[in-house]
Full PDB file with SEQRES, HELIX, SHEET, SSBOND, CRYST1, ORIGX, SCALE, CONECT and MASTER records, all heavy atoms in Angstrom:
SEQRES   1 A   44  VAL GLU SER GLY GLY GLY LEU VAL GLN ALA GLY GLY SER          
SEQRES   2 A   44  LEU ARG LEU SER CYS ALA ALA SER GLY SER MET PHE ARG          
SEQRES   3 A   44  ILE SER ALA MET GLY TRP PHE ARG GLN ALA PRO GLY LYS          
SEQRES   4 A   44  GLN ARG GLU LEU VAL                                          
HELIX    1 AA1 MET A   24  ARG A   26  5                                   3    
SHEET    1 AA1 2 GLU A   2  SER A   3  0                                        
SHEET    2 AA1 2 SER A  17  CYS A  18 -1                                        
SHEET    1 AA2 2 PHE A  33  ARG A  34  0                                        
SHEET    2 AA2 2 GLU A  42  LEU A  43 -1                                        
CRYST1    1.000    1.000    1.000  90.00  90.00  90.00 P 1           1          
ORIGX1      1.000000  0.000000  0.000000        0.00000                         
ORIGX2      0.000000  1.000000  0.000000        0.00000                         
ORIGX3      0.000000  0.000000  1.000000        0.00000                         
SCALE1      1.000000  0.000000  0.000000        0.00000                         
SCALE2      0.000000  1.000000  0.000000        0.00000                         
SCALE3      0.000000  0.000000  1.000000        0.00000                         
ATOM      1  N   VAL A   1      84.598  95.776  98.548  1.00  0.00           N  
ATOM      2  CA  VAL A   1      85.439  95.499  99.689  1.00  0.00           C  
ATOM      3  C   VAL A   1      85.560  96.754 100.517  1.00  0.00           C  
ATOM      4  O   VAL A   1      86.071  97.765 100.070  1.00  0.00           O  
ATOM      5  CB  VAL A   1      86.877  95.039  99.269  1.00  0.00           C  
ATOM      6  CG1 VAL A   1      87.730  94.785 100.492  1.00  0.00           C  
ATOM      7  CG2 VAL A   1      86.756  93.763  98.402  1.00  0.00           C  
ATOM      8  N   GLU A   2      85.053  96.678 101.766  1.00  0.00           N  
ATOM      9  CA  GLU A   2      85.097  97.812 102.685  1.00  0.00           C  
ATOM     10  C   GLU A   2      86.372  97.788 103.526  1.00  0.00           C  
ATOM     11  O   GLU A   2      86.899  96.729 103.773  1.00  0.00           O  
ATOM     12  CB  GLU A   2      83.878  97.816 103.615  1.00  0.00           C  
ATOM     13  CG  GLU A   2      82.507  97.852 102.985  1.00  0.00           C  
ATOM     14  CD  GLU A   2      81.865  96.498 102.975  1.00  0.00           C  
ATOM     15  OE1 GLU A   2      82.591  95.503 102.976  1.00  0.00           O  
ATOM     16  OE2 GLU A   2      80.622  96.466 102.995  1.00  0.00           O  
ATOM     17  N   SER A   3      86.738  98.972 103.977  1.00  0.00           N  
ATOM     18  CA  SER A   3      87.871  99.094 104.893  1.00  0.00           C  
ATOM     19  C   SER A   3      87.679 100.409 105.666  1.00  0.00           C  
ATOM     20  O   SER A   3      86.888 101.244 105.271  1.00  0.00           O  
ATOM     21  CB  SER A   3      89.214  99.064 104.181  1.00  0.00           C  
ATOM     22  OG  SER A   3      89.295 100.150 103.238  1.00  0.00           O  
ATOM     23  N   GLY A   4      88.435 100.506 106.744  1.00  0.00           N  
ATOM     24  CA  GLY A   4      88.464 101.780 107.497  1.00  0.00           C  
ATOM     25  C   GLY A   4      87.682 101.771 108.810  1.00  0.00           C  
ATOM     26  O   GLY A   4      87.699 102.747 109.531  1.00  0.00           O  
ATOM     27  N   GLY A   5      87.027 100.679 109.151  1.00  0.00           N  
ATOM     28  CA  GLY A   5      86.329 100.605 110.390  1.00  0.00           C  
ATOM     29  C   GLY A   5      87.289 100.491 111.577  1.00  0.00           C  
ATOM     30  O   GLY A   5      88.494 100.385 111.371  1.00  0.00           O  
ATOM     31  N   GLY A   6      86.749 100.613 112.734  1.00  0.00           N  
ATOM     32  CA  GLY A   6      87.583 100.490 113.937  1.00  0.00           C  
ATOM     33  C   GLY A   6      86.924 101.027 115.173  1.00  0.00           C  
ATOM     34  O   GLY A   6      85.668 101.251 115.190  1.00  0.00           O  
ATOM     35  N   LEU A   7      87.686 101.210 116.206  1.00  0.00           N  
ATOM     36  CA  LEU A   7      87.220 101.721 117.459  1.00  0.00           C  
ATOM     37  C   LEU A   7      87.632 103.196 117.649  1.00  0.00           C  
ATOM     38  O   LEU A   7      88.813 103.527 117.386  1.00  0.00           O  
ATOM     39  CB  LEU A   7      87.821 100.879 118.611  1.00  0.00           C  
ATOM     40  CG  LEU A   7      87.548 101.376 120.050  1.00  0.00           C  
ATOM     41  CD1 LEU A   7      86.067 101.350 120.353  1.00  0.00           C  
ATOM     42  CD2 LEU A   7      88.355 100.525 121.023  1.00  0.00           C  
ATOM     43  N   VAL A   8      86.705 104.028 117.969  1.00  0.00           N  
ATOM     44  CA  VAL A   8      86.975 105.442 118.142  1.00  0.00           C  
ATOM     45  C   VAL A   8      86.179 106.009 119.325  1.00  0.00           C  
ATOM     46  O   VAL A   8      85.064 105.481 119.633  1.00  0.00           O  
ATOM     47  CB  VAL A   8      86.658 106.204 116.824  1.00  0.00           C  
ATOM     48  CG1 VAL A   8      85.178 106.148 116.497  1.00  0.00           C  
ATOM     49  CG2 VAL A   8      87.196 107.636 116.851  1.00  0.00           C  
ATOM     50  N   GLN A   9      86.690 107.034 119.932  1.00  0.00           N  
ATOM     51  CA  GLN A   9      85.957 107.652 121.034  1.00  0.00           C  
ATOM     52  C   GLN A   9      84.872 108.592 120.466  1.00  0.00           C  
ATOM     53  O   GLN A   9      84.986 109.095 119.347  1.00  0.00           O  
ATOM     54  CB  GLN A   9      86.895 108.448 121.933  1.00  0.00           C  
ATOM     55  CG  GLN A   9      87.779 107.610 122.788  1.00  0.00           C  
ATOM     56  CD  GLN A   9      88.600 108.420 123.774  1.00  0.00           C  
ATOM     57  OE1 GLN A   9      88.868 109.579 123.538  1.00  0.00           O  
ATOM     58  NE2 GLN A   9      88.978 107.779 124.897  1.00  0.00           N  
ATOM     59  N   ALA A  10      83.860 108.798 121.291  1.00  0.00           N  
ATOM     60  CA  ALA A  10      82.793 109.754 120.867  1.00  0.00           C  
ATOM     61  C   ALA A  10      83.412 111.100 120.528  1.00  0.00           C  
ATOM     62  O   ALA A  10      84.314 111.578 121.245  1.00  0.00           O  
ATOM     63  CB  ALA A  10      81.756 109.873 122.019  1.00  0.00           C  
ATOM     64  N   GLY A  11      82.925 111.692 119.433  1.00  0.00           N  
ATOM     65  CA  GLY A  11      83.432 112.945 118.986  1.00  0.00           C  
ATOM     66  C   GLY A  11      84.552 112.796 117.964  1.00  0.00           C  
ATOM     67  O   GLY A  11      84.918 113.789 117.286  1.00  0.00           O  
ATOM     68  N   GLY A  12      85.022 111.562 117.771  1.00  0.00           N  
ATOM     69  CA  GLY A  12      86.118 111.310 116.850  1.00  0.00           C  
ATOM     70  C   GLY A  12      85.622 111.141 115.405  1.00  0.00           C  
ATOM     71  O   GLY A  12      84.422 111.273 115.110  1.00  0.00           O  
ATOM     72  N   SER A  13      86.550 110.776 114.520  1.00  0.00           N  
ATOM     73  CA  SER A  13      86.259 110.623 113.118  1.00  0.00           C  
ATOM     74  C   SER A  13      86.815 109.322 112.589  1.00  0.00           C  
ATOM     75  O   SER A  13      87.834 108.808 113.087  1.00  0.00           O  
ATOM     76  CB  SER A  13      86.832 111.823 112.305  1.00  0.00           C  
ATOM     77  OG  SER A  13      86.294 113.032 112.700  1.00  0.00           O  
ATOM     78  N   LEU A  14      86.151 108.816 111.529  1.00  0.00           N  
ATOM     79  CA  LEU A  14      86.618 107.697 110.775  1.00  0.00           C  
ATOM     80  C   LEU A  14      86.268 107.919 109.316  1.00  0.00           C  
ATOM     81  O   LEU A  14      85.297 108.586 109.015  1.00  0.00           O  
ATOM     82  CB  LEU A  14      86.032 106.362 111.244  1.00  0.00           C  
ATOM     83  CG  LEU A  14      86.487 105.727 112.521  1.00  0.00           C  
ATOM     84  CD1 LEU A  14      85.635 104.519 112.866  1.00  0.00           C  
ATOM     85  CD2 LEU A  14      87.956 105.326 112.413  1.00  0.00           C  
ATOM     86  N   ARG A  15      87.065 107.313 108.409  1.00  0.00           N  
ATOM     87  CA  ARG A  15      86.708 107.340 107.004  1.00  0.00           C  
ATOM     88  C   ARG A  15      86.652 105.910 106.502  1.00  0.00           C  
ATOM     89  O   ARG A  15      87.655 105.144 106.578  1.00  0.00           O  
ATOM     90  CB  ARG A  15      87.713 108.147 106.171  1.00  0.00           C  
ATOM     91  CG  ARG A  15      87.175 108.318 104.728  1.00  0.00           C  
ATOM     92  CD  ARG A  15      88.070 109.208 103.883  1.00  0.00           C  
ATOM     93  NE  ARG A  15      89.210 108.487 103.351  1.00  0.00           N  
ATOM     94  CZ  ARG A  15      89.847 108.814 102.233  1.00  0.00           C  
ATOM     95  NH1 ARG A  15      89.424 109.844 101.532  1.00  0.00           N  
ATOM     96  NH2 ARG A  15      90.887 108.142 101.791  1.00  0.00           N  
ATOM     97  N   LEU A  16      85.499 105.534 106.009  1.00  0.00           N  
ATOM     98  CA  LEU A  16      85.305 104.226 105.423  1.00  0.00           C  
ATOM     99  C   LEU A  16      85.518 104.282 103.931  1.00  0.00           C  
ATOM    100  O   LEU A  16      85.170 105.282 103.284  1.00  0.00           O  
ATOM    101  CB  LEU A  16      83.926 103.709 105.695  1.00  0.00           C  
ATOM    102  CG  LEU A  16      83.472 103.622 107.139  1.00  0.00           C  
ATOM    103  CD1 LEU A  16      82.057 103.012 107.193  1.00  0.00           C  
ATOM    104  CD2 LEU A  16      84.455 102.851 108.007  1.00  0.00           C  
ATOM    105  N   SER A  17      86.110 103.249 103.365  1.00  0.00           N  
ATOM    106  CA  SER A  17      86.304 103.167 101.933  1.00  0.00           C  
ATOM    107  C   SER A  17      85.665 101.898 101.399  1.00  0.00           C  
ATOM    108  O   SER A  17      85.624 100.872 102.071  1.00  0.00           O  
ATOM    109  CB  SER A  17      87.831 103.099 101.589  1.00  0.00           C  
ATOM    110  OG  SER A  17      88.466 104.255 102.015  1.00  0.00           O  
ATOM    111  N   CYS A  18      85.129 101.961 100.205  1.00  0.00           N  
ATOM    112  CA  CYS A  18      84.548 100.805  99.528  1.00  0.00           C  
ATOM    113  C   CYS A  18      85.103 100.718  98.139  1.00  0.00           C  
ATOM    114  O   CYS A  18      84.762 101.607  97.260  1.00  0.00           O  
ATOM    115  CB  CYS A  18      83.008 100.910  99.482  1.00  0.00           C  
ATOM    116  SG  CYS A  18      82.217  99.631  98.504  1.00  0.00           S  
ATOM    117  N   ALA A  19      85.964  99.766  97.910  1.00  0.00           N  
ATOM    118  CA  ALA A  19      86.574  99.582  96.614  1.00  0.00           C  
ATOM    119  C   ALA A  19      85.719  98.624  95.783  1.00  0.00           C  
ATOM    120  O   ALA A  19      85.476  97.475  96.225  1.00  0.00           O  
ATOM    121  CB  ALA A  19      87.990  99.055  96.758  1.00  0.00           C  
ATOM    122  N   ALA A  20      85.304  99.014  94.617  1.00  0.00           N  
ATOM    123  CA  ALA A  20      84.443  98.246  93.761  1.00  0.00           C  
ATOM    124  C   ALA A  20      85.195  97.734  92.544  1.00  0.00           C  
ATOM    125  O   ALA A  20      86.112  98.407  92.037  1.00  0.00           O  
ATOM    126  CB  ALA A  20      83.232  99.028  93.290  1.00  0.00           C  
ATOM    127  N   SER A  21      84.906  96.510  92.155  1.00  0.00           N  
ATOM    128  CA  SER A  21      85.532  95.960  90.948  1.00  0.00           C  
ATOM    129  C   SER A  21      84.486  95.108  90.192  1.00  0.00           C  
ATOM    130  O   SER A  21      83.483  94.718  90.759  1.00  0.00           O  
ATOM    131  CB  SER A  21      86.744  95.097  91.318  1.00  0.00           C  
ATOM    132  OG  SER A  21      86.350  94.002  92.165  1.00  0.00           O  
ATOM    133  N   GLY A  22      84.765  94.897  88.927  1.00  0.00           N  
ATOM    134  CA  GLY A  22      83.855  94.090  88.112  1.00  0.00           C  
ATOM    135  C   GLY A  22      83.092  94.978  87.114  1.00  0.00           C  
ATOM    136  O   GLY A  22      83.625  95.963  86.669  1.00  0.00           O  
ATOM    137  N   SER A  23      81.871  94.587  86.775  1.00  0.00           N  
ATOM    138  CA  SER A  23      81.085  95.252  85.770  1.00  0.00           C  
ATOM    139  C   SER A  23      80.398  96.502  86.320  1.00  0.00           C  
ATOM    140  O   SER A  23      79.230  96.505  86.657  1.00  0.00           O  
ATOM    141  CB  SER A  23      80.022  94.299  85.228  1.00  0.00           C  
ATOM    142  OG  SER A  23      80.602  93.115  84.683  1.00  0.00           O  
ATOM    143  N   MET A  24      81.205  97.579  86.451  1.00  0.00           N  
ATOM    144  CA  MET A  24      80.725  98.789  87.069  1.00  0.00           C  
ATOM    145  C   MET A  24      79.848  99.649  86.154  1.00  0.00           C  
ATOM    146  O   MET A  24      79.151 100.590  86.611  1.00  0.00           O  
ATOM    147  CB  MET A  24      81.893  99.627  87.535  1.00  0.00           C  
ATOM    148  CG  MET A  24      82.694  99.005  88.667  1.00  0.00           C  
ATOM    149  SD  MET A  24      81.675  98.792  90.151  1.00  0.00           S  
ATOM    150  CE  MET A  24      81.303 100.487  90.543  1.00  0.00           C  
ATOM    151  N   PHE A  25      79.829  99.383  84.855  1.00  0.00           N  
ATOM    152  CA  PHE A  25      79.158 100.286  83.956  1.00  0.00           C  
ATOM    153  C   PHE A  25      77.650 100.314  84.125  1.00  0.00           C  
ATOM    154  O   PHE A  25      76.982 101.230  83.687  1.00  0.00           O  
ATOM    155  CB  PHE A  25      79.533  99.953  82.478  1.00  0.00           C  
ATOM    156  CG  PHE A  25      79.026  98.588  82.007  1.00  0.00           C  
ATOM    157  CD1 PHE A  25      77.814  98.493  81.307  1.00  0.00           C  
ATOM    158  CD2 PHE A  25      79.713  97.441  82.260  1.00  0.00           C  
ATOM    159  CE1 PHE A  25      77.362  97.266  80.883  1.00  0.00           C  
ATOM    160  CE2 PHE A  25      79.293  96.214  81.845  1.00  0.00           C  
ATOM    161  CZ  PHE A  25      78.095  96.122  81.154  1.00  0.00           C  
ATOM    162  N   ARG A  26      77.104  99.251  84.740  1.00  0.00           N  
ATOM    163  CA  ARG A  26      75.668  99.237  84.974  1.00  0.00           C  
ATOM    164  C   ARG A  26      75.265  99.705  86.372  1.00  0.00           C  
ATOM    165  O   ARG A  26      74.118  99.678  86.729  1.00  0.00           O  
ATOM    166  CB  ARG A  26      75.134  97.786  84.785  1.00  0.00           C  
ATOM    167  CG  ARG A  26      75.212  97.373  83.315  1.00  0.00           C  
ATOM    168  CD  ARG A  26      74.546  96.053  83.074  1.00  0.00           C  
ATOM    169  NE  ARG A  26      74.552  95.621  81.690  1.00  0.00           N  
ATOM    170  CZ  ARG A  26      73.948  94.531  81.248  1.00  0.00           C  
ATOM    171  NH1 ARG A  26      73.289  93.732  82.058  1.00  0.00           N  
ATOM    172  NH2 ARG A  26      74.032  94.217  79.961  1.00  0.00           N  
ATOM    173  N   ILE A  27      76.236 100.130  87.175  1.00  0.00           N  
ATOM    174  CA  ILE A  27      75.939 100.597  88.526  1.00  0.00           C  
ATOM    175  C   ILE A  27      75.441 102.032  88.469  1.00  0.00           C  
ATOM    176  O   ILE A  27      76.054 102.930  87.953  1.00  0.00           O  
ATOM    177  CB  ILE A  27      77.202 100.530  89.413  1.00  0.00           C  
ATOM    178  CG1 ILE A  27      77.656  99.091  89.555  1.00  0.00           C  
ATOM    179  CG2 ILE A  27      76.949 101.112  90.786  1.00  0.00           C  
ATOM    180  CD1 ILE A  27      76.635  98.113  90.122  1.00  0.00           C  
ATOM    181  N   SER A  28      74.231 102.274  89.023  1.00  0.00           N  
ATOM    182  CA  SER A  28      73.617 103.535  88.995  1.00  0.00           C  
ATOM    183  C   SER A  28      73.712 104.293  90.334  1.00  0.00           C  
ATOM    184  O   SER A  28      73.576 105.493  90.355  1.00  0.00           O  
ATOM    185  CB  SER A  28      72.126 103.430  88.599  1.00  0.00           C  
ATOM    186  OG  SER A  28      71.450 102.620  89.515  1.00  0.00           O  
ATOM    187  N   ALA A  29      73.956 103.574  91.366  1.00  0.00           N  
ATOM    188  CA  ALA A  29      74.063 104.191  92.697  1.00  0.00           C  
ATOM    189  C   ALA A  29      74.903 103.313  93.594  1.00  0.00           C  
ATOM    190  O   ALA A  29      74.902 102.103  93.492  1.00  0.00           O  
ATOM    191  CB  ALA A  29      72.652 104.405  93.286  1.00  0.00           C  
ATOM    192  N   MET A  30      75.571 103.968  94.538  1.00  0.00           N  
ATOM    193  CA  MET A  30      76.290 103.290  95.577  1.00  0.00           C  
ATOM    194  C   MET A  30      75.980 103.942  96.912  1.00  0.00           C  
ATOM    195  O   MET A  30      75.626 105.127  96.946  1.00  0.00           O  
ATOM    196  CB  MET A  30      77.794 103.311  95.309  1.00  0.00           C  
ATOM    197  CG  MET A  30      78.166 102.511  94.070  1.00  0.00           C  
ATOM    198  SD  MET A  30      79.937 102.396  93.818  1.00  0.00           S  
ATOM    199  CE  MET A  30      80.367 101.245  95.145  1.00  0.00           C  
ATOM    200  N   GLY A  31      76.108 103.176  97.979  1.00  0.00           N  
ATOM    201  CA  GLY A  31      75.774 103.784  99.268  1.00  0.00           C  
ATOM    202  C   GLY A  31      76.356 102.986 100.395  1.00  0.00           C  
ATOM    203  O   GLY A  31      77.008 101.965 100.207  1.00  0.00           O  
ATOM    204  N   TRP A  32      76.045 103.470 101.570  1.00  0.00           N  
ATOM    205  CA  TRP A  32      76.395 102.837 102.832  1.00  0.00           C  
ATOM    206  C   TRP A  32      75.197 102.570 103.696  1.00  0.00           C  
ATOM    207  O   TRP A  32      74.334 103.463 103.812  1.00  0.00           O  
ATOM    208  CB  TRP A  32      77.385 103.715 103.630  1.00  0.00           C  
ATOM    209  CG  TRP A  32      78.744 103.859 103.017  1.00  0.00           C  
ATOM    210  CD1 TRP A  32      79.132 104.810 102.119  1.00  0.00           C  
ATOM    211  CD2 TRP A  32      79.814 102.971 103.178  1.00  0.00           C  
ATOM    212  NE1 TRP A  32      80.440 104.578 101.765  1.00  0.00           N  
ATOM    213  CE2 TRP A  32      80.906 103.461 102.390  1.00  0.00           C  
ATOM    214  CE3 TRP A  32      80.046 101.811 103.945  1.00  0.00           C  
ATOM    215  CZ2 TRP A  32      82.140 102.841 102.342  1.00  0.00           C  
ATOM    216  CZ3 TRP A  32      81.287 101.220 103.910  1.00  0.00           C  
ATOM    217  CH2 TRP A  32      82.302 101.695 103.126  1.00  0.00           C  
ATOM    218  N   PHE A  33      75.139 101.376 104.234  1.00  0.00           N  
ATOM    219  CA  PHE A  33      74.053 100.990 105.154  1.00  0.00           C  
ATOM    220  C   PHE A  33      74.760 100.593 106.453  1.00  0.00           C  
ATOM    221  O   PHE A  33      75.977 100.351 106.476  1.00  0.00           O  
ATOM    222  CB  PHE A  33      73.250  99.814 104.612  1.00  0.00           C  
ATOM    223  CG  PHE A  33      72.288 100.178 103.522  1.00  0.00           C  
ATOM    224  CD1 PHE A  33      72.752 100.579 102.263  1.00  0.00           C  
ATOM    225  CD2 PHE A  33      70.924 100.106 103.735  1.00  0.00           C  
ATOM    226  CE1 PHE A  33      71.842 100.905 101.304  1.00  0.00           C  
ATOM    227  CE2 PHE A  33      70.015 100.430 102.741  1.00  0.00           C  
ATOM    228  CZ  PHE A  33      70.468 100.824 101.495  1.00  0.00           C  
ATOM    229  N   ARG A  34      74.037 100.520 107.522  1.00  0.00           N  
ATOM    230  CA  ARG A  34      74.561 100.029 108.774  1.00  0.00           C  
ATOM    231  C   ARG A  34      73.529  99.191 109.490  1.00  0.00           C  
ATOM    232  O   ARG A  34      72.315  99.341 109.307  1.00  0.00           O  
ATOM    233  CB  ARG A  34      75.048 101.175 109.652  1.00  0.00           C  
ATOM    234  CG  ARG A  34      73.940 102.077 110.174  1.00  0.00           C  
ATOM    235  CD  ARG A  34      74.554 103.218 110.954  1.00  0.00           C  
ATOM    236  NE  ARG A  34      73.528 104.143 111.481  1.00  0.00           N  
ATOM    237  CZ  ARG A  34      73.800 105.310 112.059  1.00  0.00           C  
ATOM    238  NH1 ARG A  34      75.078 105.704 112.168  1.00  0.00           N  
ATOM    239  NH2 ARG A  34      72.832 106.046 112.542  1.00  0.00           N  
ATOM    240  N   GLN A  35      74.034  98.277 110.314  1.00  0.00           N  
ATOM    241  CA  GLN A  35      73.173  97.397 111.095  1.00  0.00           C  
ATOM    242  C   GLN A  35      73.751  97.252 112.475  1.00  0.00           C  
ATOM    243  O   GLN A  35      74.881  96.717 112.668  1.00  0.00           O  
ATOM    244  CB  GLN A  35      72.980  96.049 110.465  1.00  0.00           C  
ATOM    245  CG  GLN A  35      71.967  95.187 111.126  1.00  0.00           C  
ATOM    246  CD  GLN A  35      71.572  93.982 110.252  1.00  0.00           C  
ATOM    247  OE1 GLN A  35      72.263  93.587 109.376  1.00  0.00           O  
ATOM    248  NE2 GLN A  35      70.435  93.407 110.572  1.00  0.00           N  
ATOM    249  N   ALA A  36      72.998  97.776 113.460  1.00  0.00           N  
ATOM    250  CA  ALA A  36      73.376  97.633 114.844  1.00  0.00           C  
ATOM    251  C   ALA A  36      72.782  96.322 115.419  1.00  0.00           C  
ATOM    252  O   ALA A  36      71.781  95.854 114.905  1.00  0.00           O  
ATOM    253  CB  ALA A  36      72.919  98.820 115.648  1.00  0.00           C  
ATOM    254  N   PRO A  37      73.338  95.788 116.491  1.00  0.00           N  
ATOM    255  CA  PRO A  37      72.812  94.566 117.050  1.00  0.00           C  
ATOM    256  C   PRO A  37      71.338  94.675 117.431  1.00  0.00           C  
ATOM    257  O   PRO A  37      70.923  95.646 118.056  1.00  0.00           O  
ATOM    258  CB  PRO A  37      73.651  94.361 118.333  1.00  0.00           C  
ATOM    259  CG  PRO A  37      74.937  95.023 118.018  1.00  0.00           C  
ATOM    260  CD  PRO A  37      74.589  96.212 117.192  1.00  0.00           C  
ATOM    261  N   GLY A  38      70.547  93.736 116.951  1.00  0.00           N  
ATOM    262  CA  GLY A  38      69.107  93.739 117.267  1.00  0.00           C  
ATOM    263  C   GLY A  38      68.257  94.692 116.496  1.00  0.00           C  
ATOM    264  O   GLY A  38      67.061  94.840 116.691  1.00  0.00           O  
ATOM    265  N   LYS A  39      68.910  95.412 115.516  1.00  0.00           N  
ATOM    266  CA  LYS A  39      68.177  96.373 114.735  1.00  0.00           C  
ATOM    267  C   LYS A  39      68.239  95.964 113.240  1.00  0.00           C  
ATOM    268  O   LYS A  39      69.088  95.238 112.790  1.00  0.00           O  
ATOM    269  CB  LYS A  39      68.764  97.750 114.930  1.00  0.00           C  
ATOM    270  CG  LYS A  39      68.594  98.300 116.338  1.00  0.00           C  
ATOM    271  CD  LYS A  39      68.994  99.733 116.425  1.00  0.00           C  
ATOM    272  CE  LYS A  39      68.740 100.300 117.811  1.00  0.00           C  
ATOM    273  NZ  LYS A  39      69.100 101.732 117.918  1.00  0.00           N  
ATOM    274  N   GLN A  40      67.315  96.601 112.469  1.00  0.00           N  
ATOM    275  CA  GLN A  40      67.312  96.344 111.043  1.00  0.00           C  
ATOM    276  C   GLN A  40      68.393  97.141 110.336  1.00  0.00           C  
ATOM    277  O   GLN A  40      68.840  98.200 110.851  1.00  0.00           O  
ATOM    278  CB  GLN A  40      65.948  96.745 110.469  1.00  0.00           C  
ATOM    279  CG  GLN A  40      64.801  95.797 110.827  1.00  0.00           C  
ATOM    280  CD  GLN A  40      63.505  96.127 110.116  1.00  0.00           C  
ATOM    281  OE1 GLN A  40      63.251  97.276 109.732  1.00  0.00           O  
ATOM    282  NE2 GLN A  40      62.728  95.107 109.830  1.00  0.00           N  
ATOM    283  N   ARG A  41      68.815  96.656 109.184  1.00  0.00           N  
ATOM    284  CA  ARG A  41      69.810  97.395 108.393  1.00  0.00           C  
ATOM    285  C   ARG A  41      69.142  98.677 107.874  1.00  0.00           C  
ATOM    286  O   ARG A  41      68.006  98.673 107.431  1.00  0.00           O  
ATOM    287  CB  ARG A  41      70.302  96.552 107.230  1.00  0.00           C  
ATOM    288  CG  ARG A  41      71.505  97.088 106.507  1.00  0.00           C  
ATOM    289  CD  ARG A  41      72.023  96.114 105.472  1.00  0.00           C  
ATOM    290  NE  ARG A  41      72.522  94.864 106.097  1.00  0.00           N  
ATOM    291  CZ  ARG A  41      73.225  93.950 105.467  1.00  0.00           C  
ATOM    292  NH1 ARG A  41      73.502  94.112 104.144  1.00  0.00           N  
ATOM    293  NH2 ARG A  41      73.643  92.866 106.096  1.00  0.00           N  
ATOM    294  N   GLU A  42      69.890  99.814 107.962  1.00  0.00           N  
ATOM    295  CA  GLU A  42      69.308 101.081 107.541  1.00  0.00           C  
ATOM    296  C   GLU A  42      70.248 101.846 106.639  1.00  0.00           C  
ATOM    297  O   GLU A  42      71.467 101.680 106.750  1.00  0.00           O  
ATOM    298  CB  GLU A  42      69.006 101.935 108.814  1.00  0.00           C  
ATOM    299  CG  GLU A  42      70.216 102.298 109.625  1.00  0.00           C  
ATOM    300  CD  GLU A  42      69.906 103.277 110.747  1.00  0.00           C  
ATOM    301  OE1 GLU A  42      68.759 103.658 110.916  1.00  0.00           O  
ATOM    302  OE2 GLU A  42      70.852 103.652 111.469  1.00  0.00           O  
ATOM    303  N   LEU A  43      69.676 102.647 105.793  1.00  0.00           N  
ATOM    304  CA  LEU A  43      70.457 103.455 104.906  1.00  0.00           C  
ATOM    305  C   LEU A  43      71.128 104.575 105.674  1.00  0.00           C  
ATOM    306  O   LEU A  43      70.555 105.224 106.530  1.00  0.00           O  
ATOM    307  CB  LEU A  43      69.554 104.093 103.841  1.00  0.00           C  
ATOM    308  CG  LEU A  43      70.249 105.122 102.911  1.00  0.00           C  
ATOM    309  CD1 LEU A  43      71.256 104.474 101.996  1.00  0.00           C  
ATOM    310  CD2 LEU A  43      69.180 105.865 102.081  1.00  0.00           C  
ATOM    311  N   VAL A  44      72.434 104.780 105.414  1.00  0.00           N  
ATOM    312  CA  VAL A  44      73.162 105.883 106.019  1.00  0.00           C  
ATOM    313  C   VAL A  44      73.359 106.983 105.007  1.00  0.00           C  
ATOM    314  O   VAL A  44      73.005 108.148 105.266  1.00  0.00           O  
ATOM    315  CB  VAL A  44      74.557 105.366 106.490  1.00  0.00           C  
ATOM    316  CG1 VAL A  44      75.401 106.541 107.032  1.00  0.00           C  
ATOM    317  CG2 VAL A  44      74.413 104.267 107.544  1.00  0.00           C  
TER     318      VAL A  44                                                      
MASTER        0    0    0    1    4    0    0    6  317    1    0    4          
END                                                                             
């Protein structure tokens, strides 16, 4: 579950959070991706 997005002016800051639950013991990596309109999802 992600949170922390919003509207900000250029030069500003935001902090995104991702709360994970469930069977975490097999998780080897976590990350953030993004997808802009008309573009492919990319690793951040």
